[in-house]
Amino acid sequence: MKYMLLIYGEENALDETEREQCYRESAQLAHQLDSAGQFLATAPLQLTATATSVRVREGKRYVTDGPFAETREQLGGYFLINATDLDQAIAIAARIPGASRGTVEIRPLVELTGLPGE
């Protein structure tokens, strides 16, 4: 089953040196997961100041600057993985560097058919 591991944390909690270390550790984890056949994708996100939110209400499009929700912790990145079950996904999520300072939300993906590339 595919799982999305969403990494939440305070945007300014890491200085540049800590952020680069987090990126290196995340890359190492990605290589380990790839060796086990579990890696699909990962990426950190740009700061929320670069975000744009789109909503459509009654046929009208509304575009606003910033993320959807205003909270202390922001979505900072993700891992997309293959795991046999939730327990295995939890074990992988605990290895993500951001889990030590923030939260990693685990969400199973709905597998759609008829998508490009199938």
PDB file of N, CA and C in Angstrom:
ATOM      1  N   MET A   1       0.846  -1.170   0.000  1.00  0.00           N
ATOM      2  CA  MET A   1       0.000   0.000   0.000  1.00  0.00           C
ATOM      3  C   MET A   1       0.895   1.238   0.000  1.00  0.00           C
ATOM      4  N   LYS A   2       0.448   2.270  -0.671  1.00  0.00           N
ATOM      5  CA  LYS A   2       1.179   3.537  -0.701  1.00  0.00           C
ATOM      6  C   LYS A   2       0.698   4.434   0.436  1.00  0.00           C
ATOM      7  N   TYR A   3       1.660   5.083   1.083  1.00  0.00           N
ATOM      8  CA  TYR A   3       1.370   6.020   2.168  1.00  0.00           C
ATOM      9  C   TYR A   3       2.062   7.344   1.887  1.00  0.00           C
ATOM     10  N   MET A   4       1.371   8.430   2.200  1.00  0.00           N
ATOM     11  CA  MET A   4       1.951   9.762   2.165  1.00  0.00           C
ATOM     12  C   MET A   4       2.298  10.124   3.600  1.00  0.00           C
ATOM     13  N   LEU A   5       3.558  10.461   3.826  1.00  0.00           N
ATOM     14  CA  LEU A   5       4.012  10.884   5.143  1.00  0.00           C
ATOM     15  C   LEU A   5       4.218  12.390   5.082  1.00  0.00           C
ATOM     16  N   LEU A   6       3.318  13.134   5.701  1.00  0.00           N
ATOM     17  CA  LEU A   6       3.328  14.593   5.649  1.00  0.00           C
ATOM     18  C   LEU A   6       4.080  15.125   6.864  1.00  0.00           C
ATOM     19  N   ILE A   7       5.076  15.963   6.629  1.00  0.00           N
ATOM     20  CA  ILE A   7       5.970  16.432   7.682  1.00  0.00           C
ATOM     21  C   ILE A   7       5.581  17.861   8.081  1.00  0.00           C
ATOM     22  N   TYR A   8       5.150  18.025   9.329  1.00  0.00           N
ATOM     23  CA  TYR A   8       4.745  19.322   9.846  1.00  0.00           C
ATOM     24  C   TYR A   8       5.731  19.808  10.898  1.00  0.00           C
ATOM     25  N   GLY A   9       5.987  21.094  10.911  1.00  0.00           N
ATOM     26  CA  GLY A   9       6.849  21.674  11.931  1.00  0.00           C
ATOM     27  C   GLY A   9       6.797  23.185  11.856  1.00  0.00           C
ATOM     28  N   GLU A  10       7.426  23.824  12.821  1.00  0.00           N
ATOM     29  CA  GLU A  10       7.512  25.280  12.804  1.00  0.00           C
ATOM     30  C   GLU A  10       8.528  25.692  11.754  1.00  0.00           C
ATOM     31  N   GLU A  11       8.130  26.574  10.864  1.00  0.00           N
ATOM     32  CA  GLU A  11       8.973  26.955   9.730  1.00  0.00           C
ATOM     33  C   GLU A  11      10.353  27.456  10.112  1.00  0.00           C
ATOM     34  N   ASN A  12      10.435  28.236  11.142  1.00  0.00           N
ATOM     35  CA  ASN A  12      11.708  28.865  11.500  1.00  0.00           C
ATOM     36  C   ASN A  12      12.398  28.169  12.661  1.00  0.00           C
ATOM     37  N   ALA A  13      12.044  26.908  12.926  1.00  0.00           N
ATOM     38  CA  ALA A  13      12.625  26.175  14.053  1.00  0.00           C
ATOM     39  C   ALA A  13      14.080  25.785  13.789  1.00  0.00           C
ATOM     40  N   LEU A  14      14.466  25.659  12.518  1.00  0.00           N
ATOM     41  CA  LEU A  14      15.822  25.235  12.167  1.00  0.00           C
ATOM     42  C   LEU A  14      16.608  26.396  11.580  1.00  0.00           C
ATOM     43  N   ASP A  15      17.875  26.510  11.982  1.00  0.00           N
ATOM     44  CA  ASP A  15      18.730  27.472  11.297  1.00  0.00           C
ATOM     45  C   ASP A  15      19.235  26.815  10.005  1.00  0.00           C
ATOM     46  N   GLU A  16      19.967  27.540   9.202  1.00  0.00           N
ATOM     47  CA  GLU A  16      20.387  27.034   7.891  1.00  0.00           C
ATOM     48  C   GLU A  16      21.231  25.767   8.012  1.00  0.00           C
ATOM     49  N   THR A  17      22.131  25.714   8.991  1.00  0.00           N
ATOM     50  CA  THR A  17      22.974  24.530   9.193  1.00  0.00           C
ATOM     51  C   THR A  17      22.120  23.318   9.567  1.00  0.00           C
ATOM     52  N   GLU A  18      21.166  23.514  10.481  1.00  0.00           N
ATOM     53  CA  GLU A  18      20.273  22.419  10.887  1.00  0.00           C
ATOM     54  C   GLU A  18      19.393  21.965   9.726  1.00  0.00           C
ATOM     55  N   ARG A  19      18.938  22.918   8.928  1.00  0.00           N
ATOM     56  CA  ARG A  19      18.088  22.581   7.770  1.00  0.00           C
ATOM     57  C   ARG A  19      18.877  21.735   6.768  1.00  0.00           C
ATOM     58  N   GLU A  20      20.109  22.116   6.484  1.00  0.00           N
ATOM     59  CA  GLU A  20      20.936  21.336   5.555  1.00  0.00           C
ATOM     60  C   GLU A  20      21.206  19.936   6.099  1.00  0.00           C
ATOM     61  N   GLN A  21      21.432  19.826   7.408  1.00  0.00           N
ATOM     62  CA  GLN A  21      21.633  18.517   8.028  1.00  0.00           C
ATOM     63  C   GLN A  21      20.370  17.664   7.893  1.00  0.00           C
ATOM     64  N   CYS A  22      19.223  18.266   8.099  1.00  0.00           N
ATOM     65  CA  CYS A  22      17.944  17.570   7.940  1.00  0.00           C
ATOM     66  C   CYS A  22      17.793  17.064   6.509  1.00  0.00           C
ATOM     67  N   TYR A  23      18.149  17.882   5.526  1.00  0.00           N
ATOM     68  CA  TYR A  23      18.072  17.475   4.119  1.00  0.00           C
ATOM     69  C   TYR A  23      19.007  16.296   3.847  1.00  0.00           C
ATOM     70  N   ARG A  24      20.225  16.341   4.403  1.00  0.00           N
ATOM     71  CA  ARG A  24      21.176  15.228   4.211  1.00  0.00           C
ATOM     72  C   ARG A  24      20.630  13.941   4.830  1.00  0.00           C
ATOM     73  N   GLU A  25      20.090  14.036   6.042  1.00  0.00           N
ATOM     74  CA  GLU A  25      19.531  12.860   6.709  1.00  0.00           C
ATOM     75  C   GLU A  25      18.319  12.324   5.950  1.00  0.00           C
ATOM     76  N   SER A  26      17.514  13.215   5.414  1.00  0.00           N
ATOM     77  CA  SER A  26      16.349  12.790   4.629  1.00  0.00           C
ATOM     78  C   SER A  26      16.785  12.078   3.348  1.00  0.00           C
ATOM     79  N   ALA A  27      17.838  12.579   2.708  1.00  0.00           N
ATOM     80  CA  ALA A  27      18.360  11.933   1.501  1.00  0.00           C
ATOM     81  C   ALA A  27      18.898  10.544   1.830  1.00  0.00           C
ATOM     82  N   GLN A  28      19.571  10.418   2.972  1.00  0.00           N
ATOM     83  CA  GLN A  28      20.074   9.105   3.397  1.00  0.00           C
ATOM     84  C   GLN A  28      18.915   8.135   3.615  1.00  0.00           C
ATOM     85  N   LEU A  29      17.859   8.603   4.279  1.00  0.00           N
ATOM     86  CA  LEU A  29      16.685   7.767   4.494  1.00  0.00           C
ATOM     87  C   LEU A  29      16.061   7.370   3.157  1.00  0.00           C
ATOM     88  N   ALA A  30      15.985   8.307   2.230  1.00  0.00           N
ATOM     89  CA  ALA A  30      15.423   8.003   0.903  1.00  0.00           C
ATOM     90  C   ALA A  30      16.209   6.887   0.228  1.00  0.00           C
ATOM     91  N   HIS A  31      17.536   6.924   0.329  1.00  0.00           N
ATOM     92  CA  HIS A  31      18.367   5.870  -0.263  1.00  0.00           C
ATOM     93  C   HIS A  31      18.135   4.527   0.431  1.00  0.00           C
ATOM     94  N   GLN A  32      17.996   4.544   1.751  1.00  0.00           N
ATOM     95  CA  GLN A  32      17.725   3.309   2.492  1.00  0.00           C
ATOM     96  C   GLN A  32      16.371   2.723   2.085  1.00  0.00           C
ATOM     97  N   LEU A  33      15.355   3.571   1.981  1.00  0.00           N
ATOM     98  CA  LEU A  33      14.025   3.111   1.578  1.00  0.00           C
ATOM     99  C   LEU A  33      14.042   2.602   0.138  1.00  0.00           C
ATOM    100  N   ASP A  34      14.812   3.270  -0.724  1.00  0.00           N
ATOM    101  CA  ASP A  34      14.914   2.846  -2.116  1.00  0.00           C
ATOM    102  C   ASP A  34      15.535   1.452  -2.202  1.00  0.00           C
ATOM    103  N   SER A  35      16.554   1.211  -1.401  1.00  0.00           N
ATOM    104  CA  SER A  35      17.198  -0.106  -1.385  1.00  0.00           C
ATOM    105  C   SER A  35      16.228  -1.198  -0.954  1.00  0.00           C
ATOM    106  N   ALA A  36      15.253  -0.839  -0.114  1.00  0.00           N
ATOM    107  CA  ALA A  36      14.256  -1.793   0.364  1.00  0.00           C
ATOM    108  C   ALA A  36      13.020  -1.844  -0.536  1.00  0.00           C
ATOM    109  N   GLY A  37      13.034  -1.066  -1.639  1.00  0.00           N
ATOM    110  CA  GLY A  37      11.891  -1.043  -2.552  1.00  0.00           C
ATOM    111  C   GLY A  37      10.690  -0.291  -2.017  1.00  0.00           C
ATOM    112  N   GLN A  38      10.914   0.615  -1.079  1.00  0.00           N
ATOM    113  CA  GLN A  38       9.800   1.329  -0.457  1.00  0.00           C
ATOM    114  C   GLN A  38       9.719   2.804  -0.837  1.00  0.00           C
ATOM    115  N   PHE A  39      10.726   3.335  -1.491  1.00  0.00           N
ATOM    116  CA  PHE A  39      10.781   4.762  -1.795  1.00  0.00           C
ATOM    117  C   PHE A  39      10.044   5.073  -3.090  1.00  0.00           C
ATOM    118  N   LEU A  40       9.197   6.102  -3.055  1.00  0.00           N
ATOM    119  CA  LEU A  40       8.525   6.586  -4.259  1.00  0.00           C
ATOM    120  C   LEU A  40       8.911   8.032  -4.559  1.00  0.00           C
ATOM    121  N   ALA A  41       8.910   8.905  -3.537  1.00  0.00           N
ATOM    122  CA  ALA A  41       9.254  10.315  -3.756  1.00  0.00           C
ATOM    123  C   ALA A  41       9.413  11.007  -2.417  1.00  0.00           C
ATOM    124  N   THR A  42      10.132  12.124  -2.419  1.00  0.00           N
ATOM    125  CA  THR A  42      10.225  13.001  -1.258  1.00  0.00           C
ATOM    126  C   THR A  42      10.638  14.385  -1.720  1.00  0.00           C
ATOM    127  N   ALA A  43      10.271  15.404  -0.958  1.00  0.00           N
ATOM    128  CA  ALA A  43      10.715  16.770  -1.244  1.00  0.00           C
ATOM    129  C   ALA A  43      10.328  17.679  -0.095  1.00  0.00           C
ATOM    130  N   PRO A  44      11.229  18.605   0.256  1.00  0.00           N
ATOM    131  CA  PRO A  44      10.822  19.668   1.169  1.00  0.00           C
ATOM    132  C   PRO A  44      10.033  20.707   0.370  1.00  0.00           C
ATOM    133  N   LEU A  45       9.232  21.467   1.062  1.00  0.00           N
ATOM    134  CA  LEU A  45       8.453  22.521   0.414  1.00  0.00           C
ATOM    135  C   LEU A  45       9.098  23.875   0.678  1.00  0.00           C
ATOM    136  N   GLN A  46       8.874  24.810  -0.227  1.00  0.00           N
ATOM    137  CA  GLN A  46       9.298  26.186   0.002  1.00  0.00           C
ATOM    138  C   GLN A  46       8.512  26.739   1.187  1.00  0.00           C
ATOM    139  N   LEU A  47       8.942  27.864   1.741  1.00  0.00           N
ATOM    140  CA  LEU A  47       8.265  28.470   2.883  1.00  0.00           C
ATOM    141  C   LEU A  47       6.821  28.840   2.539  1.00  0.00           C
ATOM    142  N   THR A  48       5.976  28.937   3.569  1.00  0.00           N
ATOM    143  CA  THR A  48       4.561  29.242   3.344  1.00  0.00           C
ATOM    144  C   THR A  48       4.350  30.589   2.681  1.00  0.00           C
ATOM    145  N   ALA A  49       5.321  31.489   2.777  1.00  0.00           N
ATOM    146  CA  ALA A  49       5.202  32.794   2.109  1.00  0.00           C
ATOM    147  C   ALA A  49       5.090  32.619   0.597  1.00  0.00           C
ATOM    148  N   THR A  50       5.514  31.474   0.067  1.00  0.00           N
ATOM    149  CA  THR A  50       5.431  31.227  -1.371  1.00  0.00           C
ATOM    150  C   THR A  50       4.144  30.499  -1.761  1.00  0.00           C
ATOM    151  N   ALA A  51       3.323  30.130  -0.771  1.00  0.00           N
ATOM    152  CA  ALA A  51       2.120  29.336  -1.038  1.00  0.00           C
ATOM    153  C   ALA A  51       0.999  30.175  -1.644  1.00  0.00           C
ATOM    154  N   THR A  52       0.188  29.516  -2.425  1.00  0.00           N
ATOM    155  CA  THR A  52      -1.035  30.090  -2.982  1.00  0.00           C
ATOM    156  C   THR A  52      -2.147  29.074  -2.770  1.00  0.00           C
ATOM    157  N   SER A  53      -3.293  29.528  -2.291  1.00  0.00           N
ATOM    158  CA  SER A  53      -4.437  28.645  -2.072  1.00  0.00           C
ATOM    159  C   SER A  53      -5.538  28.985  -3.064  1.00  0.00           C
ATOM    160  N   VAL A  54      -6.188  27.947  -3.583  1.00  0.00           N
ATOM    161  CA  VAL A  54      -7.277  28.118  -4.552  1.00  0.00           C
ATOM    162  C   VAL A  54      -8.528  27.441  -3.991  1.00  0.00           C
ATOM    163  N   ARG A  55      -9.633  28.168  -4.032  1.00  0.00           N
ATOM    164  CA  ARG A  55     -10.927  27.621  -3.644  1.00  0.00           C
ATOM    165  C   ARG A  55     -11.924  27.979  -4.742  1.00  0.00           C
ATOM    166  N   VAL A  56     -12.866  27.091  -4.992  1.00  0.00           N
ATOM    167  CA  VAL A  56     -13.946  27.391  -5.930  1.00  0.00           C
ATOM    168  C   VAL A  56     -15.245  27.284  -5.149  1.00  0.00           C
ATOM    169  N   ARG A  57     -16.002  28.367  -5.137  1.00  0.00           N
ATOM    170  CA  ARG A  57     -17.281  28.425  -4.436  1.00  0.00           C
ATOM    171  C   ARG A  57     -18.330  28.957  -5.399  1.00  0.00           C
ATOM    172  N   GLU A  58     -19.399  28.190  -5.563  1.00  0.00           N
ATOM    173  CA  GLU A  58     -20.499  28.575  -6.459  1.00  0.00           C
ATOM    174  C   GLU A  58     -19.978  28.958  -7.833  1.00  0.00           C
ATOM    175  N   GLY A  59     -19.012  28.177  -8.318  1.00  0.00           N
ATOM    176  CA  GLY A  59     -18.482  28.384  -9.652  1.00  0.00           C
ATOM    177  C   GLY A  59     -17.464  29.501  -9.784  1.00  0.00           C
ATOM    178  N   LYS A  60     -17.176  30.197  -8.705  1.00  0.00           N
ATOM    179  CA  LYS A  60     -16.219  31.295  -8.752  1.00  0.00           C
ATOM    180  C   LYS A  60     -14.909  30.873  -8.088  1.00  0.00           C
ATOM    181  N   ARG A  61     -13.793  31.185  -8.742  1.00  0.00           N
ATOM    182  CA  ARG A  61     -12.463  30.845  -8.238  1.00  0.00           C
ATOM    183  C   ARG A  61     -11.943  31.955  -7.332  1.00  0.00           C
ATOM    184  N   TYR A  62     -11.449  31.560  -6.154  1.00  0.00           N
ATOM    185  CA  TYR A  62     -10.834  32.478  -5.212  1.00  0.00           C
ATOM    186  C   TYR A  62      -9.383  32.058  -5.007  1.00  0.00           C
ATOM    187  N   VAL A  63      -8.465  32.968  -5.248  1.00  0.00           N
ATOM    188  CA  VAL A  63      -7.039  32.703  -5.092  1.00  0.00           C
ATOM    189  C   VAL A  63      -6.508  33.629  -4.005  1.00  0.00           C
ATOM    190  N   THR A  64      -5.855  33.040  -3.003  1.00  0.00           N
ATOM    191  CA  THR A  64      -5.289  33.837  -1.917  1.00  0.00           C
ATOM    192  C   THR A  64      -3.838  33.438  -1.695  1.00  0.00           C
ATOM    193  N   ASP A  65      -3.066  34.376  -1.199  1.00  0.00           N
ATOM    194  CA  ASP A  65      -1.684  34.084  -0.832  1.00  0.00           C
ATOM    195  C   ASP A  65      -1.668  33.305   0.463  1.00  0.00           C
ATOM    196  N   GLY A  66      -0.709  32.411   0.580  1.00  0.00           N
ATOM    197  CA  GLY A  66      -0.506  31.689   1.823  1.00  0.00           C
ATOM    198  C   GLY A  66      -1.166  30.332   1.848  1.00  0.00           C
ATOM    199  N   PRO A  67      -0.846  29.566   2.907  1.00  0.00           N
ATOM    200  CA  PRO A  67      -1.416  28.227   3.048  1.00  0.00           C
ATOM    201  C   PRO A  67      -2.877  28.295   3.467  1.00  0.00           C
ATOM    202  N   PHE A  68      -3.547  27.163   3.401  1.00  0.00           N
ATOM    203  CA  PHE A  68      -4.968  27.101   3.736  1.00  0.00           C
ATOM    204  C   PHE A  68      -5.235  27.428   5.202  1.00  0.00           C
ATOM    205  N   ALA A  69      -4.466  26.813   6.103  1.00  0.00           N
ATOM    206  CA  ALA A  69      -4.718  26.983   7.532  1.00  0.00           C
ATOM    207  C   ALA A  69      -3.604  27.796   8.188  1.00  0.00           C
ATOM    208  N   GLU A  70      -3.980  28.586   9.163  1.00  0.00           N
ATOM    209  CA  GLU A  70      -2.979  29.311   9.932  1.00  0.00           C
ATOM    210  C   GLU A  70      -2.801  28.583  11.260  1.00  0.00           C
ATOM    211  N   THR A  71      -1.684  27.900  11.382  1.00  0.00           N
ATOM    212  CA  THR A  71      -1.364  27.162  12.595  1.00  0.00           C
ATOM    213  C   THR A  71       0.103  27.382  12.914  1.00  0.00           C
ATOM    214  N   ARG A  72       0.526  26.926  14.076  1.00  0.00           N
ATOM    215  CA  ARG A  72       1.939  27.047  14.436  1.00  0.00           C
ATOM    216  C   ARG A  72       2.801  26.159  13.563  1.00  0.00           C
ATOM    217  N   GLU A  73       2.346  24.943  13.334  1.00  0.00           N
ATOM    218  CA  GLU A  73       3.100  24.013  12.495  1.00  0.00           C
ATOM    219  C   GLU A  73       2.571  24.076  11.069  1.00  0.00           C
ATOM    220  N   GLN A  74       3.493  24.082  10.120  1.00  0.00           N
ATOM    221  CA  GLN A  74       3.134  24.135   8.705  1.00  0.00           C
ATOM    222  C   GLN A  74       3.608  22.868   8.016  1.00  0.00           C
ATOM    223  N   LEU A  75       2.966  22.527   6.918  1.00  0.00           N
ATOM    224  CA  LEU A  75       3.422  21.410   6.107  1.00  0.00           C
ATOM    225  C   LEU A  75       4.750  21.794   5.487  1.00  0.00           C
ATOM    226  N   GLY A  76       5.788  21.018   5.782  1.00  0.00           N
ATOM    227  CA  GLY A  76       7.123  21.370   5.325  1.00  0.00           C
ATOM    228  C   GLY A  76       7.677  20.458   4.260  1.00  0.00           C
ATOM    229  N   GLY A  77       7.085  19.286   4.082  1.00  0.00           N
ATOM    230  CA  GLY A  77       7.574  18.352   3.087  1.00  0.00           C
ATOM    231  C   GLY A  77       6.846  17.031   3.199  1.00  0.00           C
ATOM    232  N   TYR A  78       7.314  16.059   2.430  1.00  0.00           N
ATOM    233  CA  TYR A  78       6.628  14.771   2.416  1.00  0.00           C
ATOM    234  C   TYR A  78       7.572  13.658   1.980  1.00  0.00           C
ATOM    235  N   PHE A  79       7.193  12.454   2.312  1.00  0.00           N
ATOM    236  CA  PHE A  79       7.736  11.222   1.742  1.00  0.00           C
ATOM    237  C   PHE A  79       6.552  10.453   1.196  1.00  0.00           C
ATOM    238  N   LEU A  80       6.685   9.883   0.030  1.00  0.00           N
ATOM    239  CA  LEU A  80       5.694   8.977  -0.530  1.00  0.00           C
ATOM    240  C   LEU A  80       6.356   7.611  -0.550  1.00  0.00           C
ATOM    241  N   ILE A  81       5.747   6.651   0.146  1.00  0.00           N
ATOM    242  CA  ILE A  81       6.392   5.357   0.335  1.00  0.00           C
ATOM    243  C   ILE A  81       5.455   4.198   0.003  1.00  0.00           C
ATOM    244  N   ASN A  82       6.034   3.026  -0.153  1.00  0.00           N
ATOM    245  CA  ASN A  82       5.318   1.759  -0.179  1.00  0.00           C
ATOM    246  C   ASN A  82       5.563   1.097   1.162  1.00  0.00           C
ATOM    247  N   ALA A  83       4.524   0.643   1.819  1.00  0.00           N
ATOM    248  CA  ALA A  83       4.661  -0.083   3.076  1.00  0.00           C
ATOM    249  C   ALA A  83       3.640  -1.213   3.084  1.00  0.00           C
ATOM    250  N   THR A  84       3.981  -2.295   3.755  1.00  0.00           N
ATOM    251  CA  THR A  84       3.072  -3.439   3.783  1.00  0.00           C
ATOM    252  C   THR A  84       1.828  -3.161   4.609  1.00  0.00           C
ATOM    253  N   ASP A  85       1.962  -2.311   5.634  1.00  0.00           N
ATOM    254  CA  ASP A  85       0.828  -1.990   6.494  1.00  0.00           C
ATOM    255  C   ASP A  85       1.129  -0.716   7.284  1.00  0.00           C
ATOM    256  N   LEU A  86       0.169  -0.292   8.087  1.00  0.00           N
ATOM    257  CA  LEU A  86       0.329   0.936   8.866  1.00  0.00           C
ATOM    258  C   LEU A  86       1.492   0.831   9.843  1.00  0.00           C
ATOM    259  N   ASP A  87       1.691  -0.329  10.452  1.00  0.00           N
ATOM    260  CA  ASP A  87       2.802  -0.474  11.394  1.00  0.00           C
ATOM    261  C   ASP A  87       4.137  -0.191  10.719  1.00  0.00           C
ATOM    262  N   GLN A  88       4.314  -0.687   9.507  1.00  0.00           N
ATOM    263  CA  GLN A  88       5.562  -0.434   8.795  1.00  0.00           C
ATOM    264  C   GLN A  88       5.670   1.043   8.426  1.00  0.00           C
ATOM    265  N   ALA A  89       4.564   1.672   8.041  1.00  0.00           N
ATOM    266  CA  ALA A  89       4.564   3.103   7.724  1.00  0.00           C
ATOM    267  C   ALA A  89       4.920   3.929   8.962  1.00  0.00           C
ATOM    268  N   ILE A  90       4.433   3.529  10.125  1.00  0.00           N
ATOM    269  CA  ILE A  90       4.759   4.228  11.370  1.00  0.00           C
ATOM    270  C   ILE A  90       6.248   4.109  11.663  1.00  0.00           C
ATOM    271  N   ALA A  91       6.808   2.927  11.468  1.00  0.00           N
ATOM    272  CA  ALA A  91       8.239   2.729  11.713  1.00  0.00           C
ATOM    273  C   ALA A  91       9.077   3.619  10.796  1.00  0.00           C
ATOM    274  N   ILE A  92       8.656   3.757   9.545  1.00  0.00           N
ATOM    275  CA  ILE A  92       9.379   4.623   8.604  1.00  0.00           C
ATOM    276  C   ILE A  92       9.208   6.088   9.000  1.00  0.00           C
ATOM    277  N   ALA A  93       7.996   6.485   9.346  1.00  0.00           N
ATOM    278  CA  ALA A  93       7.731   7.877   9.736  1.00  0.00           C
ATOM    279  C   ALA A  93       8.598   8.288  10.928  1.00  0.00           C
ATOM    280  N   ALA A  94       8.830   7.371  11.849  1.00  0.00           N
ATOM    281  CA  ALA A  94       9.641   7.675  13.028  1.00  0.00           C
ATOM    282  C   ALA A  94      11.099   7.922  12.665  1.00  0.00           C
ATOM    283  N   ARG A  95      11.527   7.472  11.487  1.00  0.00           N
ATOM    284  CA  ARG A  95      12.910   7.661  11.037  1.00  0.00           C
ATOM    285  C   ARG A  95      13.111   8.983  10.304  1.00  0.00           C
ATOM    286  N   ILE A  96      12.045   9.684   9.959  1.00  0.00           N
ATOM    287  CA  ILE A  96      12.143  10.960   9.253  1.00  0.00           C
ATOM    288  C   ILE A  96      12.684  12.007  10.225  1.00  0.00           C
ATOM    289  N   PRO A  97      13.733  12.749   9.835  1.00  0.00           N
ATOM    290  CA  PRO A  97      14.326  13.727  10.758  1.00  0.00           C
ATOM    291  C   PRO A  97      13.317  14.716  11.339  1.00  0.00           C
ATOM    292  N   GLY A  98      12.335  15.133  10.570  1.00  0.00           N
ATOM    293  CA  GLY A  98      11.348  16.097  11.050  1.00  0.00           C
ATOM    294  C   GLY A  98      10.477  15.579  12.179  1.00  0.00           C
ATOM    295  N   ALA A  99      10.418  14.268  12.366  1.00  0.00           N
ATOM    296  CA  ALA A  99       9.596  13.703  13.444  1.00  0.00           C
ATOM    297  C   ALA A  99      10.149  14.061  14.814  1.00  0.00           C
ATOM    298  N   SER A 100      11.454  14.362  14.892  1.00  0.00           N
ATOM    299  CA  SER A 100      12.057  14.686  16.188  1.00  0.00           C
ATOM    300  C   SER A 100      11.755  16.106  16.633  1.00  0.00           C
ATOM    301  N   ARG A 101      11.298  16.965  15.731  1.00  0.00           N
ATOM    302  CA  ARG A 101      10.997  18.357  16.079  1.00  0.00           C
ATOM    303  C   ARG A 101       9.553  18.744  15.806  1.00  0.00           C
ATOM    304  N   GLY A 102       8.880  17.969  14.969  1.00  0.00           N
ATOM    305  CA  GLY A 102       7.510  18.301  14.596  1.00  0.00           C
ATOM    306  C   GLY A 102       6.648  17.056  14.605  1.00  0.00           C
ATOM    307  N   THR A 103       5.802  16.943  13.614  1.00  0.00           N
ATOM    308  CA  THR A 103       4.844  15.845  13.510  1.00  0.00           C
ATOM    309  C   THR A 103       4.891  15.279  12.107  1.00  0.00           C
ATOM    310  N   VAL A 104       4.781  13.961  11.984  1.00  0.00           N
ATOM    311  CA  VAL A 104       4.643  13.327  10.683  1.00  0.00           C
ATOM    312  C   VAL A 104       3.262  12.672  10.651  1.00  0.00           C
ATOM    313  N   GLU A 105       2.413  13.145   9.763  1.00  0.00           N
ATOM    314  CA  GLU A 105       1.070  12.593   9.580  1.00  0.00           C
ATOM    315  C   GLU A 105       1.140  11.508   8.509  1.00  0.00           C
ATOM    316  N   ILE A 106       0.542  10.373   8.777  1.00  0.00           N
ATOM    317  CA  ILE A 106       0.545   9.241   7.843  1.00  0.00           C
ATOM    318  C   ILE A 106      -0.835   9.108   7.238  1.00  0.00           C
ATOM    319  N   ARG A 107      -0.889   9.131   5.901  1.00  0.00           N
ATOM    320  CA  ARG A 107      -2.170   8.990   5.216  1.00  0.00           C
ATOM    321  C   ARG A 107      -2.047   7.957   4.108  1.00  0.00           C
ATOM    322  N   PRO A 108      -2.871   6.898   4.144  1.00  0.00           N
ATOM    323  CA  PRO A 108      -2.871   5.959   3.025  1.00  0.00           C
ATOM    324  C   PRO A 108      -3.447   6.642   1.783  1.00  0.00           C
ATOM    325  N   LEU A 109      -2.927   6.280   0.636  1.00  0.00           N
ATOM    326  CA  LEU A 109      -3.417   6.851  -0.608  1.00  0.00           C
ATOM    327  C   LEU A 109      -4.555   6.018  -1.169  1.00  0.00           C
ATOM    328  N   VAL A 110      -5.479   6.660  -1.829  1.00  0.00           N
ATOM    329  CA  VAL A 110      -6.514   5.982  -2.596  1.00  0.00           C
ATOM    330  C   VAL A 110      -5.908   5.744  -3.981  1.00  0.00           C
ATOM    331  N   GLU A 111      -5.836   4.516  -4.400  1.00  0.00           N
ATOM    332  CA  GLU A 111      -5.228   4.181  -5.689  1.00  0.00           C
ATOM    333  C   GLU A 111      -6.309   4.272  -6.772  1.00  0.00           C
ATOM    334  N   LEU A 112      -6.168   5.261  -7.654  1.00  0.00           N
ATOM    335  CA  LEU A 112      -7.113   5.463  -8.745  1.00  0.00           C
ATOM    336  C   LEU A 112      -6.640   4.735  -9.992  1.00  0.00           C
ATOM    337  N   THR A 113      -7.582   4.278 -10.787  1.00  0.00           N
ATOM    338  CA  THR A 113      -7.240   3.668 -12.060  1.00  0.00           C
ATOM    339  C   THR A 113      -7.487   4.667 -13.176  1.00  0.00           C
ATOM    340  N   GLY A 114      -6.906   4.406 -14.327  1.00  0.00           N
ATOM    341  CA  GLY A 114      -7.121   5.236 -15.489  1.00  0.00           C
ATOM    342  C   GLY A 114      -6.309   6.525 -15.507  1.00  0.00           C
ATOM    343  N   LEU A 115      -5.271   6.598 -14.688  1.00  0.00           N
ATOM    344  CA  LEU A 115      -4.441   7.793 -14.652  1.00  0.00           C
ATOM    345  C   LEU A 115      -3.339   7.710 -15.716  1.00  0.00           C
ATOM    346  N   PRO A 116      -2.757   8.842 -16.118  1.00  0.00           N
ATOM    347  CA  PRO A 116      -1.651   8.807 -17.073  1.00  0.00           C
ATOM    348  C   PRO A 116      -0.521   7.928 -16.572  1.00  0.00           C
ATOM    349  N   GLY A 117       0.146   7.266 -17.489  1.00  0.00           N
ATOM    350  CA  GLY A 117       1.283   6.436 -17.141  1.00  0.00           C
ATOM    351  C   GLY A 117       0.929   5.008 -16.786  1.00  0.00           C
ATOM    352  N   GLU A 118      -0.338   4.671 -16.825  1.00  0.00           N
ATOM    353  CA  GLU A 118      -0.737   3.288 -16.509  1.00  0.00           C
ATOM    354  C   GLU A 118      -0.753   2.438 -17.755  1.00  0.00           C
TER     355      GLU A 118
END
